[in-house]
Protein backbone atom coordinates (compact mmCIF):
# COMPACT_ATOMS: atom_id res chain seq x y z
CA MET A 1 19.67 -19.05 8.54
CA ARG A 2 22.06 -16.63 8.35
CA SER A 3 25.06 -17.08 5.41
CA GLY A 4 28.44 -18.56 6.88
CA THR A 5 29.84 -16.58 3.95
CA GLY A 6 32.11 -13.39 3.76
CA GLN A 7 33.50 -11.46 7.39
CA ILE A 8 30.19 -9.21 9.12
CA PRO A 9 31.35 -6.66 11.31
CA ALA A 10 30.06 -7.23 14.58
CA VAL A 11 27.63 -4.26 14.41
CA SER A 12 26.06 -3.73 10.87
CA TYR A 13 22.75 -2.17 9.99
CA VAL A 14 20.57 -1.60 6.66
CA ILE A 15 18.34 1.69 6.06
CA GLY A 16 14.99 0.91 4.78
CA VAL A 17 13.52 3.35 3.23
CA ASP A 18 9.70 3.67 2.78
CA SER A 19 8.14 6.62 0.55
CA SER A 20 4.87 6.69 1.09
CA THR A 21 1.23 8.66 0.03
CA THR A 22 2.17 11.84 2.29
CA ALA A 23 5.61 10.84 3.90
CA THR A 24 9.11 9.10 3.80
CA LYS A 25 10.24 7.40 6.72
CA ALA A 26 13.78 6.03 6.91
CA VAL A 27 14.22 3.22 9.35
CA VAL A 28 17.81 1.94 10.56
CA TRP A 29 17.54 -1.98 11.23
CA ASP A 30 19.65 -4.34 12.85
CA ARG A 31 20.09 -8.24 11.99
CA GLU A 32 17.00 -9.38 14.18
CA GLY A 33 14.80 -7.07 12.52
CA ARG A 34 14.56 -4.31 15.25
CA ALA A 35 14.53 -0.46 14.53
CA VAL A 36 17.55 1.20 15.37
CA SER A 37 16.82 4.46 14.18
CA GLU A 38 14.40 5.93 12.17
CA GLY A 39 13.93 9.65 10.44
CA ARG A 40 10.78 10.99 8.77
CA GLN A 41 9.79 13.63 6.33
CA GLU A 42 6.62 14.57 5.89
CA PHE A 43 5.01 16.12 2.30
CA GLU A 44 1.77 17.94 0.88
CA LEU A 45 -0.85 15.93 -1.50
CA ALA A 46 -2.61 18.31 -4.26
CA ILE A 47 -6.25 17.78 -4.79
CA PRO A 48 -6.54 20.49 -7.41
CA HIS A 49 -10.16 19.14 -8.67
CA PRO A 50 -12.31 16.49 -6.97
CA GLY A 51 -11.06 13.05 -7.19
CA TRP A 52 -7.52 14.08 -8.10
CA HIS A 53 -4.72 13.66 -6.49
CA GLU A 54 -1.09 15.14 -7.27
CA GLN A 55 2.27 15.47 -5.86
CA ASP A 56 5.49 17.40 -6.99
CA ALA A 57 7.76 14.35 -7.64
CA GLN A 58 10.75 16.22 -6.31
CA ASP A 59 9.36 16.18 -3.27
CA TRP A 60 9.94 12.11 -3.33
CA TRP A 61 13.32 12.92 -2.98
CA ARG A 62 13.82 15.98 -0.95
CA SER A 63 11.71 13.69 1.70
CA THR A 64 13.74 11.00 1.50
CA ALA A 65 16.95 12.82 2.13
CA THR A 66 15.83 14.39 5.06
CA ALA A 67 14.38 11.01 6.14
CA LEU A 68 17.60 9.16 5.40
CA ARG A 69 20.27 12.14 7.27
CA GLU A 70 18.22 11.92 10.14
CA ALA A 71 17.93 8.12 10.58
CA ALA A 72 22.01 7.51 9.55
CA ASN A 73 22.67 10.38 12.55
CA GLY A 74 21.32 7.96 14.81
CA VAL A 75 24.09 5.62 14.15
CA LYS A 76 27.75 5.03 13.24
CA ALA A 77 27.71 6.13 9.71
CA SER A 78 30.18 3.36 8.72
CA GLU A 79 28.25 0.65 10.10
CA ILE A 80 25.41 1.24 7.74
CA GLU A 81 25.61 -1.28 5.03
CA ALA A 82 23.05 -0.74 2.43
CA ILE A 83 19.85 0.77 1.38
CA GLY A 84 16.70 -0.43 0.34
CA LEU A 85 13.62 0.99 -0.81
CA THR A 86 9.59 0.45 -1.08
CA HIS A 87 7.13 3.34 -1.87
CA GLN A 88 3.80 4.07 -2.86
CA ARG A 89 2.58 1.86 -5.31
CA GLU A 90 1.31 3.03 -9.00
CA THR A 91 1.95 6.45 -8.73
CA PHE A 92 4.07 7.84 -11.16
CA ALA A 93 5.70 11.14 -12.73
CA CYS A 94 6.65 12.09 -16.53
CA LEU A 95 10.47 13.70 -16.59
CA GLY A 96 11.68 16.08 -19.60
CA GLU A 97 15.00 15.81 -20.97
CA ASP A 98 16.23 17.63 -18.38
CA GLU A 99 14.82 15.22 -16.09
CA ALA A 100 12.38 17.82 -14.36
CA PRO A 101 8.58 16.79 -13.86
CA LEU A 102 6.49 18.10 -16.50
CA ARG A 103 3.56 17.69 -14.42
CA PRO A 104 2.64 17.15 -10.87
CA ALA A 105 2.94 13.49 -10.60
CA ILE A 106 -0.66 11.53 -10.52
CA LEU A 107 -1.04 9.30 -7.68
CA TRP A 108 -2.89 6.00 -7.29
CA LEU A 109 -5.32 8.02 -5.45
CA ASP A 110 -6.51 9.65 -8.52
CA ALA A 111 -9.76 8.32 -9.60
CA ARG A 112 -9.66 10.90 -12.84
CA ALA A 113 -9.63 8.19 -15.67
CA VAL A 114 -13.08 6.77 -15.21
CA ARG A 115 -14.01 7.43 -18.90
CA GLU A 116 -10.72 5.77 -19.90
CA VAL A 117 -11.50 2.28 -17.48
CA GLU A 118 -14.71 2.31 -19.02
CA GLU A 119 -13.79 2.43 -22.62
CA HIS A 120 -10.25 0.80 -22.77
CA GLY A 121 -10.77 -2.02 -19.35
CA ASN A 122 -11.09 -5.75 -20.62
CA GLU A 123 -10.65 -9.03 -20.07
CA GLU A 124 -7.04 -8.93 -22.27
CA VAL A 125 -5.81 -5.89 -20.21
CA HIS A 126 -6.33 -7.65 -17.49
CA ARG A 127 -4.83 -11.18 -18.24
CA ILE A 128 -1.30 -9.23 -19.45
CA SER A 129 -1.24 -6.70 -16.39
CA GLY A 130 -3.25 -8.56 -13.78
CA LYS A 131 -4.91 -5.51 -12.63
CA PRO A 132 -9.14 -5.47 -13.15
CA PRO A 133 -10.22 -2.33 -15.03
CA ASP A 134 -10.23 0.50 -12.11
CA THR A 135 -8.62 4.02 -11.66
CA THR A 136 -5.91 3.08 -9.48
CA PRO A 137 -3.12 1.66 -12.07
CA ALA A 138 -1.03 4.44 -14.14
CA PHE A 139 -2.31 2.37 -17.05
CA TYR A 140 -5.69 4.46 -17.36
CA LYS A 141 -3.99 7.83 -16.39
CA LEU A 142 -1.47 7.58 -18.72
CA LEU A 143 -4.35 6.90 -21.61
CA TRP A 144 -6.25 10.23 -19.90
CA LEU A 145 -3.20 12.11 -20.35
CA ARG A 146 -3.03 11.11 -24.11
CA GLU A 147 -6.22 12.50 -24.68
CA ASN A 148 -6.54 15.48 -22.27
CA GLU A 149 -2.80 16.31 -22.24
CA PRO A 150 -0.70 14.86 -25.21
CA GLU A 151 1.99 17.48 -25.38
CA VAL A 152 2.88 16.16 -21.72
CA LEU A 153 3.69 12.55 -23.55
CA GLU A 154 4.83 14.05 -26.35
CA ARG A 155 7.95 15.89 -24.41
CA THR A 156 7.97 13.04 -21.98
CA ALA A 157 11.79 11.66 -22.26
CA ARG A 158 10.98 9.11 -19.15
CA MET A 159 7.92 7.78 -17.08
CA VAL A 160 9.01 6.82 -14.11
CA ASP A 161 7.37 4.90 -10.57
CA VAL A 162 8.54 6.77 -7.24
CA HIS A 163 11.20 3.71 -6.87
CA GLY A 164 12.65 4.48 -10.42
CA PHE A 165 12.87 8.30 -9.24
CA LEU A 166 14.88 7.31 -6.19
CA VAL A 167 17.13 4.73 -7.77
CA LYS A 168 17.99 7.52 -9.96
CA GLN A 169 18.69 10.25 -7.66
CA LEU A 170 20.84 7.50 -5.34
CA THR A 171 22.46 6.09 -8.01
CA GLY A 172 22.76 8.22 -11.01
CA GLN A 173 20.77 4.66 -12.92
CA TRP A 174 17.46 4.87 -14.25
CA ARG A 175 16.42 1.50 -12.84
CA THR A 176 13.45 -0.14 -10.90
CA ALA A 177 12.45 -3.46 -9.80
CA TYR A 178 9.75 -5.38 -11.82
CA ALA A 179 7.97 -5.73 -8.38
CA CYS A 180 7.79 -2.01 -8.01
CA ALA A 181 6.93 -0.91 -11.67
CA ASP A 182 4.12 -3.63 -12.33
CA PRO A 183 1.40 -1.88 -10.13
CA LEU A 184 1.31 0.63 -13.01
CA GLY A 185 -0.28 -1.64 -14.74
CA LEU A 186 2.54 -1.99 -17.59
CA ILE A 187 4.40 -5.01 -16.90
CA ASP A 188 3.48 -8.49 -18.84
CA MET A 189 2.88 -10.53 -15.49
CA SER A 190 3.50 -14.09 -17.37
CA THR A 191 7.09 -12.88 -18.01
CA PHE A 192 8.16 -10.12 -15.52
CA ASP A 193 9.00 -7.72 -18.18
CA TRP A 194 7.56 -4.21 -20.18
CA SER A 195 4.90 -5.39 -21.61
CA GLU A 196 5.05 -4.11 -25.32
CA GLU A 197 1.38 -4.27 -26.26
CA LEU A 198 0.15 -2.01 -23.15
CA LEU A 199 3.00 0.26 -23.98
CA GLY A 200 1.65 0.59 -27.18
CA LYS A 201 -1.62 1.82 -25.94
CA VAL A 202 -0.35 4.37 -24.27
CA GLY A 203 2.21 5.58 -26.63
CA LEU A 204 5.27 4.81 -24.83
CA GLN A 205 8.47 3.18 -26.29
CA ARG A 206 10.64 0.98 -23.99
CA SER A 207 13.31 3.37 -23.94
CA GLN A 208 11.15 5.82 -21.77
CA LEU A 209 11.15 3.76 -18.65
CA CYS A 210 13.34 2.41 -16.38
CA GLY A 211 15.36 -0.88 -16.77
CA LEU A 212 14.26 -3.44 -14.69
CA GLY A 213 15.63 -5.81 -11.93
CA ALA A 214 14.28 -8.53 -9.53
CA PRO A 215 13.35 -7.58 -6.51
CA GLY A 216 16.53 -7.98 -4.17
CA ASP A 217 19.06 -7.10 -6.84
CA VAL A 218 21.11 -3.81 -6.32
CA MET A 219 20.54 -1.06 -8.55
CA GLY A 220 23.39 0.86 -8.10
CA GLU A 221 25.82 2.42 -5.72
CA LEU A 222 25.48 5.67 -3.69
CA LEU A 223 27.11 8.21 -5.24
CA PRO A 224 29.86 10.09 -3.59
CA GLU A 225 27.97 13.60 -3.57
CA VAL A 226 24.79 12.26 -2.71
CA ALA A 227 26.54 10.22 0.28
CA GLU A 228 27.92 13.51 1.52
CA GLU A 229 24.65 15.13 1.52
CA LEU A 230 23.45 12.01 3.66
CA GLY A 231 26.06 11.41 5.72
CA ILE A 232 26.23 7.76 4.49
CA PRO A 233 29.27 5.97 3.44
CA ALA A 234 29.91 6.00 -0.67
CA GLY A 235 29.58 3.15 -2.64
CA ILE A 236 27.36 1.13 -0.51
CA PRO A 237 24.65 -0.51 -2.52
CA VAL A 238 21.04 0.54 -3.34
CA VAL A 239 19.05 -2.61 -3.12
CA GLY A 240 15.52 -2.66 -5.16
CA GLY A 241 12.30 -3.75 -3.06
CA ALA A 242 8.50 -4.25 -4.01
CA GLY A 243 5.80 -1.83 -3.99
CA ASP A 244 4.61 -0.80 -0.20
CA GLY A 245 2.21 -3.86 0.20
CA GLN A 246 3.88 -6.44 -1.25
CA SER A 247 7.10 -5.32 0.84
CA ALA A 248 4.52 -4.94 4.40
CA GLY A 249 4.11 -8.87 3.18
CA LEU A 250 7.77 -9.27 3.35
CA GLY A 251 7.80 -7.54 6.15
CA ALA A 252 5.14 -10.03 8.14
CA ASN A 253 6.97 -12.95 6.73
CA ILE A 254 4.09 -13.91 4.15
CA THR A 255 6.24 -16.04 2.71
CA GLU A 256 3.60 -18.98 2.25
CA PRO A 257 0.27 -20.04 1.26
CA GLY A 258 -2.59 -20.07 4.18
CA ARG A 259 -1.50 -16.87 5.69
CA ALA A 260 -2.13 -13.47 4.65
CA TYR A 261 -0.89 -9.42 5.64
CA LEU A 262 -3.51 -7.52 6.60
CA ASN A 263 -2.71 -3.57 5.97
CA LEU A 264 -4.76 -1.15 7.93
CA GLY A 265 -3.38 1.76 6.56
CA THR A 266 -4.78 4.76 4.34
CA ALA A 267 -6.25 2.05 2.33
CA VAL A 268 -6.87 -1.69 3.65
CA VAL A 269 -4.78 -3.76 1.66
CA SER A 270 -4.36 -7.64 2.00
CA GLY A 271 -2.17 -9.75 0.33
CA THR A 272 -1.08 -13.55 0.34
CA TYR A 273 1.86 -15.81 -1.38
CA SER A 274 1.33 -17.70 -4.78
CA GLU A 275 3.82 -19.29 -6.94
CA ALA A 276 1.40 -19.63 -10.09
CA TYR A 277 0.45 -16.54 -12.14
CA ALA A 278 -3.42 -16.39 -11.59
CA TRP A 279 -6.17 -13.39 -12.51
CA GLY A 280 -9.38 -12.70 -11.56
CA ARG A 281 -12.16 -9.89 -10.18
CA GLU A 282 -11.99 -11.26 -6.96
CA PHE A 283 -8.40 -9.85 -6.30
CA ARG A 284 -5.44 -8.10 -8.14
CA THR A 285 -2.48 -9.62 -8.76
CA LEU A 286 1.34 -8.30 -8.24
CA CYS A 287 4.92 -9.08 -8.52
CA GLY A 288 5.60 -10.66 -5.29
CA PRO A 289 8.43 -9.41 -3.21
CA LEU A 290 10.43 -13.02 -3.52
CA PRO A 291 11.63 -13.06 -7.11
CA LYS A 292 9.57 -15.06 -9.73
CA THR A 293 6.57 -15.18 -7.09
CA TYR A 294 3.02 -13.59 -7.18
CA THR A 295 1.14 -11.43 -4.48
CA LEU A 296 -2.81 -11.71 -4.62
CA GLU A 297 -4.23 -8.26 -3.18
CA THR A 298 -7.64 -7.34 -2.30
CA LEU A 299 -8.16 -3.95 -1.91
CA LEU A 300 -10.30 -1.20 0.21
CA GLN A 301 -9.02 2.46 -0.63
CA GLY A 302 -11.13 3.20 2.56
CA GLY A 303 -9.10 2.48 5.25
CA THR A 304 -7.86 4.62 8.17
CA TYR A 305 -8.56 7.43 5.47
CA THR A 306 -12.22 6.81 6.41
CA VAL A 307 -11.68 6.80 10.07
CA SER A 308 -9.35 9.85 9.47
CA TRP A 309 -12.18 11.63 7.63
CA PHE A 310 -14.35 11.23 10.15
CA VAL A 311 -12.74 12.45 12.74
CA ASP A 312 -11.69 15.60 10.97
CA LYS A 313 -14.84 16.48 9.57
CA LEU A 314 -16.89 15.44 11.75
CA ALA A 315 -15.75 14.44 15.20
CA GLY A 316 -13.14 15.83 16.46
CA THR A 317 -12.75 15.77 20.41
CA GLU A 318 -9.74 18.13 20.51
CA ALA A 319 -8.97 15.96 23.91
CA SER A 320 -5.26 17.60 23.85
CA ARG A 321 -7.36 20.63 25.03
CA LEU A 322 -8.59 19.01 27.90
CA GLY A 323 -5.03 18.10 29.12
CA LEU A 324 -5.53 14.47 28.10
CA GLU A 325 -2.65 12.82 26.41
CA LEU A 326 -4.96 11.13 24.03
CA SER A 327 -6.03 11.18 20.47
CA ASP A 328 -9.43 11.79 19.15
CA GLU A 329 -9.33 8.51 17.67
CA ASP A 330 -8.01 6.91 21.50
CA VAL A 331 -11.23 8.93 22.56
CA LEU A 332 -13.65 7.78 20.10
CA GLU A 333 -12.84 4.03 20.53
CA ALA A 334 -13.18 4.20 24.00
CA ALA A 335 -16.59 5.37 23.55
CA ALA A 336 -17.07 2.68 20.55
CA ALA A 337 -15.73 -0.06 22.74
CA ARG A 338 -18.72 0.26 25.01
CA LEU A 339 -21.28 -0.28 22.47
CA GLU A 340 -22.35 -3.78 21.84
CA PRO A 341 -21.41 -4.81 18.09
CA GLY A 342 -23.56 -3.87 15.29
CA ALA A 343 -23.17 -0.45 16.68
CA ASP A 344 -27.11 -0.30 17.44
CA GLY A 345 -28.35 -0.99 13.80
CA LEU A 346 -25.63 1.11 12.27
CA LEU A 347 -23.99 -0.11 9.02
CA ALA A 348 -21.67 1.40 6.96
CA VAL A 349 -20.65 0.56 3.51
CA PRO A 350 -17.02 2.27 3.33
CA TYR A 351 -16.73 3.22 -0.50
CA TRP A 352 -14.94 6.71 0.45
CA ASN A 353 -12.74 6.34 -2.16
CA GLN A 354 -15.09 4.30 -4.67
CA ALA A 355 -15.24 0.26 -4.79
CA GLN A 356 -12.49 -1.92 -5.56
CA THR A 357 -12.21 -6.10 -5.48
CA PRO A 358 -14.12 -7.37 -6.59
CA HIS A 359 -16.95 -4.75 -7.77
CA TRP A 360 -14.20 -2.71 -9.55
CA ASP A 361 -17.39 0.26 -9.44
CA ASP A 362 -15.56 3.91 -9.97
CA TYR A 363 -18.86 5.57 -9.17
CA ALA A 364 -19.63 3.73 -5.71
CA ARG A 365 -19.75 6.11 -2.94
CA GLY A 366 -19.80 5.26 1.38
CA VAL A 367 -23.15 4.23 2.67
CA LEU A 368 -24.29 4.72 6.53
CA LEU A 369 -27.48 2.71 6.59
CA GLY A 370 -29.85 2.32 9.72
CA PHE A 371 -30.00 6.06 11.19
CA ARG A 372 -31.82 6.67 14.63
CA GLY A 373 -31.99 9.66 17.08
CA HIS A 374 -30.06 7.99 19.56
CA HIS A 375 -27.05 7.75 17.34
CA GLY A 376 -23.69 9.43 17.89
CA LYS A 377 -20.09 9.90 17.25
CA ALA A 378 -19.23 6.65 18.80
CA HIS A 379 -22.09 4.46 16.99
CA ILE A 380 -20.71 6.32 13.77
CA PHE A 381 -17.15 5.51 14.96
CA ARG A 382 -17.51 1.97 15.36
CA ALA A 383 -19.83 1.59 12.41
CA ILE A 384 -16.88 2.46 10.04
CA LEU A 385 -14.65 -0.13 12.33
CA GLU A 386 -17.63 -2.48 11.68
CA GLY A 387 -17.76 -1.85 7.80
CA VAL A 388 -14.33 -2.32 7.02
CA ALA A 389 -14.22 -5.45 8.72
CA PHE A 390 -17.47 -6.67 7.11
CA GLU A 391 -15.89 -5.66 3.95
CA GLN A 392 -12.61 -7.73 4.64
CA ARG A 393 -14.80 -10.82 5.33
CA LEU A 394 -16.13 -10.65 1.83
CA LEU A 395 -12.99 -9.60 0.03
CA THR A 396 -11.03 -13.03 1.63
CA ASP A 397 -13.69 -15.23 1.04
CA GLY A 398 -13.92 -14.47 -2.23
CA LEU A 399 -10.04 -14.81 -2.51
CA ALA A 400 -9.79 -17.83 -0.81
CA THR A 401 -12.82 -19.81 -3.08
CA ALA A 402 -11.49 -18.25 -6.47
CA ARG A 403 -7.88 -19.63 -5.57
CA ASP A 404 -9.26 -22.75 -3.30
CA GLN A 405 -6.67 -21.92 -1.04
CA PRO A 406 -7.82 -21.20 2.93
CA ILE A 407 -6.40 -18.29 4.80
CA ASP A 408 -6.89 -18.67 8.42
CA LEU A 409 -4.15 -16.51 9.75
CA TYR A 410 -4.03 -12.23 8.87
CA LEU A 411 -0.96 -10.86 10.25
CA ALA A 412 -1.73 -7.09 10.70
CA VAL A 413 0.27 -4.18 9.83
CA GLY A 414 0.30 -0.44 9.77
CA GLY A 415 -1.37 2.37 11.84
CA GLY A 416 -4.73 0.49 12.45
CA SER A 417 -2.90 -2.55 13.79
CA ARG A 418 -2.34 -0.86 16.90
CA SER A 419 -6.03 -0.97 17.63
CA SER A 420 -7.19 -3.73 20.17
CA LEU A 421 -10.52 -2.92 19.21
CA TRP A 422 -10.28 -2.96 15.40
CA CYS A 423 -8.02 -5.71 15.58
CA GLN A 424 -10.68 -7.83 17.61
CA ILE A 425 -13.81 -6.81 15.45
CA ILE A 426 -11.91 -7.84 12.61
CA ALA A 427 -11.34 -11.71 14.34
CA ASP A 428 -14.78 -11.54 15.00
CA ILE A 429 -16.42 -10.49 11.67
CA THR A 430 -14.05 -12.20 9.90
CA GLY A 431 -13.70 -15.74 11.90
CA ARG A 432 -10.13 -15.44 11.56
CA THR A 433 -7.08 -15.20 13.79
CA VAL A 434 -5.46 -11.43 13.47
CA THR A 435 -1.89 -11.05 14.82
CA ALA A 436 -0.57 -7.80 15.14
CA CYS A 437 2.69 -7.71 13.89
CA GLN A 438 5.59 -6.63 16.66
CA GLU A 439 7.24 -4.27 14.40
CA ALA A 440 4.53 -0.79 13.38
CA GLU A 441 7.06 -0.13 10.19
CA THR A 442 6.53 -3.55 8.78
CA THR A 443 6.83 -1.87 5.43
CA SER A 444 10.37 -0.23 5.89
CA LEU A 445 11.04 -3.74 7.72
CA GLY A 446 10.49 -5.80 4.01
CA ALA A 447 12.93 -3.16 2.80
CA GLY A 448 15.51 -3.61 4.94
CA MET A 449 15.06 -7.62 4.17
CA HIS A 450 15.58 -6.93 0.96
CA ALA A 451 18.80 -4.73 1.81
CA ALA A 452 20.16 -7.63 4.62
CA ALA A 453 19.81 -10.49 1.89
CA ALA A 454 21.62 -8.59 -0.72
CA VAL A 455 24.65 -7.59 1.48
CA GLY A 456 24.73 -11.52 2.91
CA TRP A 457 23.08 -11.53 6.31
CA PHE A 458 20.63 -14.17 5.51
CA ASP A 459 21.07 -17.04 2.67
CA SER A 460 17.77 -15.80 1.15
CA LEU A 461 15.26 -13.53 1.15
CA GLY A 462 13.10 -16.21 2.73
CA ASP A 463 15.59 -16.42 5.17
CA ALA A 464 15.51 -12.70 6.02
CA ALA A 465 11.75 -12.72 6.41
CA GLN A 466 12.01 -15.65 8.94
CA GLY A 467 14.95 -14.32 11.14
CA MET A 468 13.82 -10.45 11.11
CA SER A 469 10.00 -10.65 11.78
CA SER A 470 8.22 -11.00 14.76
CA GLU A 471 5.16 -11.13 16.22
CA GLY A 472 3.02 -9.25 18.81
CA ALA A 473 -0.40 -9.43 20.23
CA THR A 474 -3.16 -11.88 18.97
CA TYR A 475 -6.61 -12.12 18.99
CA GLU A 476 -9.20 -14.76 18.56
CA PRO A 477 -12.69 -14.45 17.22
CA ASP A 478 -15.08 -14.33 19.82
CA GLU A 479 -17.79 -17.39 19.80
CA ARG A 480 -20.88 -14.80 21.23
CA ARG A 481 -20.17 -11.65 18.77
CA ALA A 482 -19.58 -13.39 16.01
CA LYS A 483 -23.08 -15.26 15.73
CA ARG A 484 -24.13 -11.63 16.20
CA TYR A 485 -22.21 -10.60 13.41
CA ALA A 486 -23.04 -13.49 11.30
CA LYS A 487 -26.53 -12.13 11.13
CA LEU A 488 -25.69 -8.30 10.32
CA LEU A 489 -23.76 -9.83 7.65
CA GLU A 490 -26.42 -11.23 5.57
CA VAL A 491 -27.47 -7.82 6.00
CA TYR A 492 -24.98 -5.76 4.82
CA ARG A 493 -23.72 -8.07 1.97
CA GLU A 494 -26.69 -7.16 0.49
CA ILE A 495 -26.25 -3.19 0.92
CA TYR A 496 -23.95 -2.56 -2.28
CA PRO A 497 -25.60 -4.84 -4.99
CA ARG A 498 -29.35 -3.16 -3.90
CA VAL A 499 -27.93 0.39 -4.47
CA SER A 500 -25.12 0.55 -6.86
CA GLU A 501 -27.56 1.15 -10.02
CA LEU A 502 -27.86 4.48 -7.99
CA PHE A 503 -24.47 5.58 -7.88
CA PRO A 504 -23.94 6.24 -11.75
CA ARG A 505 -27.21 7.65 -11.69
CA LEU A 506 -26.23 10.45 -8.63
CA ASN A 507 -23.05 10.54 -10.30
CA ALA A 508 -24.68 12.01 -13.27
CA ALA A 509 -26.75 14.21 -11.62
CA VAL A 510 -23.92 15.99 -9.89
CA GLU A 511 -22.16 16.33 -13.33
CA GLU A 512 -24.89 17.88 -14.74
CA GLY A 513 -24.95 20.59 -12.15
């Protein structure tokens, strides 16, 4: 698998940078895909209005610089050969002529553009971009800016995704990979290039955007002054990657059909490999982490976000104050594990952050159905874990049917993949094997694989994914629990259709108030 060309040092490393929603992580990887050193720096997420989510774009660079310095400090700097990048998707910043942000960056979580989705979301936009009408892509938020803050777009010299912003800081080049830019909703997915039609709709010119390369392309070389600041050799390649979802898929070795990554993170994102372009409401289509391929994804924005919401707002146990080396989640999981499947008749529909695939309903809200007086914190906690699993069952079934392509195995990544209870619940409810990836930072590992292939450690990205990925614990469906969940699934699948017409009425009533 490894390239036989060139002389590779006896010890060498690459760094995978993952600039996510609230923190940047930089991980030093060796050739076997083992994490050797890492750095992390958190940054703030602002909610200036209900449903709005914003950030200072400069925090992306400040956190990246801190994380890179910390990670590089754990190894001999001269042995670092390249930097790979991945990032939170759909998030963008508008920069002025001085390259400073004109306003706070708008995040993927931001839901302000509901009206723009209703007015401009259509089949043609979906066909070109691969993205069903939804507030997640930047396309609709740019339309919101055009309507509500037109002076920002008039003064915008550069509109950038997180990847493009970081590449500029590291190399001085305005470049990004098309697998990083396409979640913005402005790429023609059939050509892997900016869509003149979609750019025209939001009022942007190609000159205001970054130049595009393929995932795995070298975006530029590390600037000397930046290298000195970071403690990393000047001139090493900075390698373009893919958005965090696709990068996690590469890190999990999703490079052929029949397998899907399942990212149990803030959002629950599952994706599978495709060589052909396809689009439909059952999934959203993204450029794959391998050049000229596609990733077909399902999306539920209320993943560990919903779990954390419950713990932070309602169910904190403060276990640490009792001298226990356990998190609140650990305590609640232990209690929930003692309950039978179905949480004693409590069902959770986890639409805390709207409903994405396949409903694409910006008005949808979370539902807890079946309360009785004996229900407590553990029941709600288990119901949320089960609700995410029920939803994933429907999403994966829909994708597999739409593409006539069975999906038999989930490779689980993200924080939730460390929960044996949750992984087993998912296996029991979906009827599919769940295997947790050995490496927790699979998203960063995907960026490391892009860097490793670019400097010749492997003959191809596919070989890098095979050589650097590894698997951990495996969970098989239990027949008894699966039968019980099958009956509950028939109830669960009817909840949203029966209450969906109430959501816009509820929203209107709240807005009117």
